[in-house]
């Protein structure tokens, strides 16, 4: 059993010589049992410094011993062994059990080397103090830091107590006595006084590292310089450093298990190893002793040994300590007693604490895993080779870059020179790579950022890092990165920069670059030409103080501050040239960045717009003059409209009232003539107002549902009497293939047809007038219509056809005298047709009639698009009866007409001839509604409304009655507090419907209004504005096209960068892409994208997919739309 448990067994005489050795001794030392080696152990004892007489006394006293000794192998090698002396009763010789510690001692030597490195760099003096009973006590080690830190020479270390400050010596002695008497840790804090050195505070501490009867007590400690801490006592605790060394006691614990009784025996060393005191009971069963996960492992190892499958019982497992935690232990054992049948009776073995080893292995495995995982995730190709040029580690990126048909795992252990030969063919110049590879390996020097071209056109950049430990070469780290895309981008950027600088120079645009202090670092010749200064002059003085007036200097400094904050802007700048000439510049300024995206200055492009500014001043003066003229014209039209509509309202209104009385046929004819003349006058007035609106682009085209046949029927009814009076045949008809409902402006179409048909009736004495609507083309969503008016009238001279659409134009004065008219109808008709997207033509020959026609393309609608037909029904009239109405009107005829309309419907009317009277009446009486004229003497309707609302807090509906039908009148009425607006002359139904809407809250509809059909999408409005580009490029189409190409390219790059940044959750790249995009969006006025881009540019929090992903999606979608529009405009510019 002893031979199996230990490496060698010998018998020792009382003098300590070897009298017998087992075969293991020969394997261990190389000496045979027949060779003379009796004094081998005595020599080892002497070399280790042990006293031979004392050793023999201990043997004679039968004392067990355990000694670590150096032993010389037969071949001269030095071994380390542990000798355990097991005494036997006299006169039997003692057993000497030898265990090979050579590997452990080598590990200890390596640890000592590391310890030596540590002592040189630790901020303190490390020491060991050995207390021995016989040989005496003293320092066995003190680090060289003693001299460097305190100025005490190594040979003076044993006199350390002599350097203690006199006031601190008592504390020094006390700390030592307490340590030695009570066995506690040593701690001391005091001052050191060394000749030639300043007084310094030190702190010393030590603890007992090991103790036994043979070696005595070993204390390990450190002395640190705490002078800075003492000088700053408030931070002593925060900055205090302690260094503790603990040397775990190493030993084996013996155990024995009785298969018959189940009893177990554990040595004191074993109990101490697991933290059990002398009287503390161990767990009752082995299952309670072993970690649950290791129990089956223990049984399997024991069974393998008992079945003869293993030479000894050996298992690594976790055993439960006294405090409940588990410790890793290597358990080994042998059956030392069997019965006659060979069954085991007793197994004896030892436990060895391997916790430290397990922790070290786990830490090494974790570190290796972290390193390998990190390298595996690198985008760069990584290869680590050892000093023998074998692959230690590689990653997937390396295999991908060089298209290797092997995995990183398969490369481990591969010869790197052979691997170099494998990848050599991937390079464009294989021989050059091979030579460079050999030189790098041979020189063993750091090489960074070296580029190589591959045969497939890619470019890789390599870093080659030699690895040294203690000046010993142990391998190389190779890193390769595919930089093809980056180099292509840099080259493209350089080409674009050269192209843009060429454009700027060719277009005479000034270019200036400045640093953060606004000092000029570069100007092109165009900028010098604009300002009159040369490069050298700008280099010696501050540009703003040279060019800008003192009054504008503060504003320019604020702009420079915005550049430093990363903002771009475009502005106009007034300067004075070197020759004293005042000039205006259009400046586009942006921050200038370095490769790390740090602002290092600003760049500006300047366009001389002095001539444009002069033109602007002239245009501004002309615009003001035109606006003055327009105001005079508007005032004239307002007065004319009011003066004509007021009596016209009386004429038409009286006619409506008269029509409700009994009339004979002659009276009805006269009344119809009065109504026709009044309506003709109203048409002329409306034509003049329409012409005014068209002239200032204020006429709006409606888009509602209508029926073409119904529209023609209404025109036919309107003109039927005129045709009858002249005995003309009059017919209006529509193509049967027309859709039932179309979308457009039926009022303006009717106005054009009435103009054309009215002219036809006017200039036709006999024959016929026809109106036709024909279907020319149809698609699924729209139709093309041709409206045609034909007559057999007097025709038109060919010479006049050229000017027929001019305003106030007629063929000759005789026509005007005979037929009347203003000459506005055709001009207005043509402009209305053009506003609706069509074109009008007139074909005619003198004395052969006239054919007028126009075409329109209109979307197809549904019945739901038809407008609601509203009538004042009998039920509405019944509900209106009895309502009190305040009628405010200065013209008695207009009051009479309105009063007649209201009385006919059963409403009660109170009249007021001006606004002042109306306010007083409203102060004393309650009304259901107020009909308010606008232009009145004493107090007009707008002022009266304001007083009713503000002074009387009146909430009654107020409806404006005004003869002023020009633009803005309705808005002024509503702004004054009125609820609605009714232009004179008005019909009775219009007045009653308006009153019903505001007093009853509803009017009856004969036809219900359905949901509106969505309009087909119109052409998308431009998402950008090129005004600034055109101004900078002086309206050069080639420059505009170039800028569009540049921005389209920038959009596509930004889309790719944003999508990449989101996929990689890289907020820095996201901000950089947004920041680069933002100035271009500003310059092109792409305001609908700016909020999302600005949010990305200013994002400083960690990546948040819930917030950033929608922002990027929105931005990418809008950028795509923007690029698509720009591509369309670019094709148009290039004539595609």
Foldseek 3Di string as FASTA:
>chain_A
DLVVFFQWKFFAALQGFTPAIDPSVCVVQVDDRPDPCRCQVVVQCVVVPHDSVVVSVCLVVQHWDWDWTWGAHPVGDIWIWIWTWHHDPPPGTIMTGIHTCRVVVVVVVVVVVVVLVCCVPPQWKKWKWFAADPPGIFTPDIHPVCCVPPNADPVCVRVQLVFFDPVQSVVVVVQVVCCVPVVAKGKGWGWGHDPPDDIFIKIKIWHWQDADNPRGTMIIITIHTCRVCVVVVVCNVVPPDGDYDHHDDWDKKKKKAFPVPRDIDIDPVVLVVQPHDPPRDDDPHVCLFFDVVCPVVQVVLVVCVQVVNDVWRWDWGWTAGPVGDTFTKIWIWDQPDADPVRHGGMIMTIIGGCRVVVVVVVVVVVVVVVVQVVQQPDLKWKWWAWPQQFTQFTYPNVCVVQVPPDHRVVRGRPRVLVVLVVSLQQFPHSVVVNVVVVVCSVVQDWDFQDWTATPVGWIKGKTKHFDDDPNHTTTIMIIIHTCRVVVVVVVVVVVVVVVVVVVLVVLLKWKWWAFLVQQTPDIDVSNCVVQVHDPVVSNVDRVCVQWADPVCSVVVVVVSVVQQVFDWDWDKGWTAHPVRDIWIWTKTKGFDADPVRHGGTMMIIIDTCRVVVVVVVVVVVVVVVVVVVLVVVLVVLQVVLFVLQVVLLLQLLVLVLVVVDDDDPVVVVVSVVSNVVSVVVVLQSVLVQLVSCVVVVNDDWFWFKDAPVVLQVVLCVVCVVLCVVLVAAEEEDEDPPDAGIWITRSVLVSLLVNLVQVVQSLQANYYYKYWYKYWDDDDPWKTKIKIKIWHQGQWADPVCQVVLLPFQDDRDVVCCVRRNDRSRSSVSSQSSLVVQVKGKHKDTDGSGIIMIMMMHMTTGFDPLRHDFDFFFDPVLLVVQAAFEEEEEAQDPSSVVSVVSLQVVSRYHYDYHNALVVVLVCVVPDDGQEYEAEADHPPHGRLRSLLCCCPVVVDPHAYEYEYSRPHPPPQVSNVVSPHDYYDHGPDDSRVVSQVSCCRRVVDTDTPDDNHDGDDDDDDDDDALWACPLQCVSSVNDLVSVLVVLVVVLVLLVVLLVQCVVCLVVQPLVSQLVSLSVNQSVCNSGVNPVLNVLSVCSNPDDDRRDCVPNVVSSVVNNVVSVVNNVVSVVVSCVSVPD
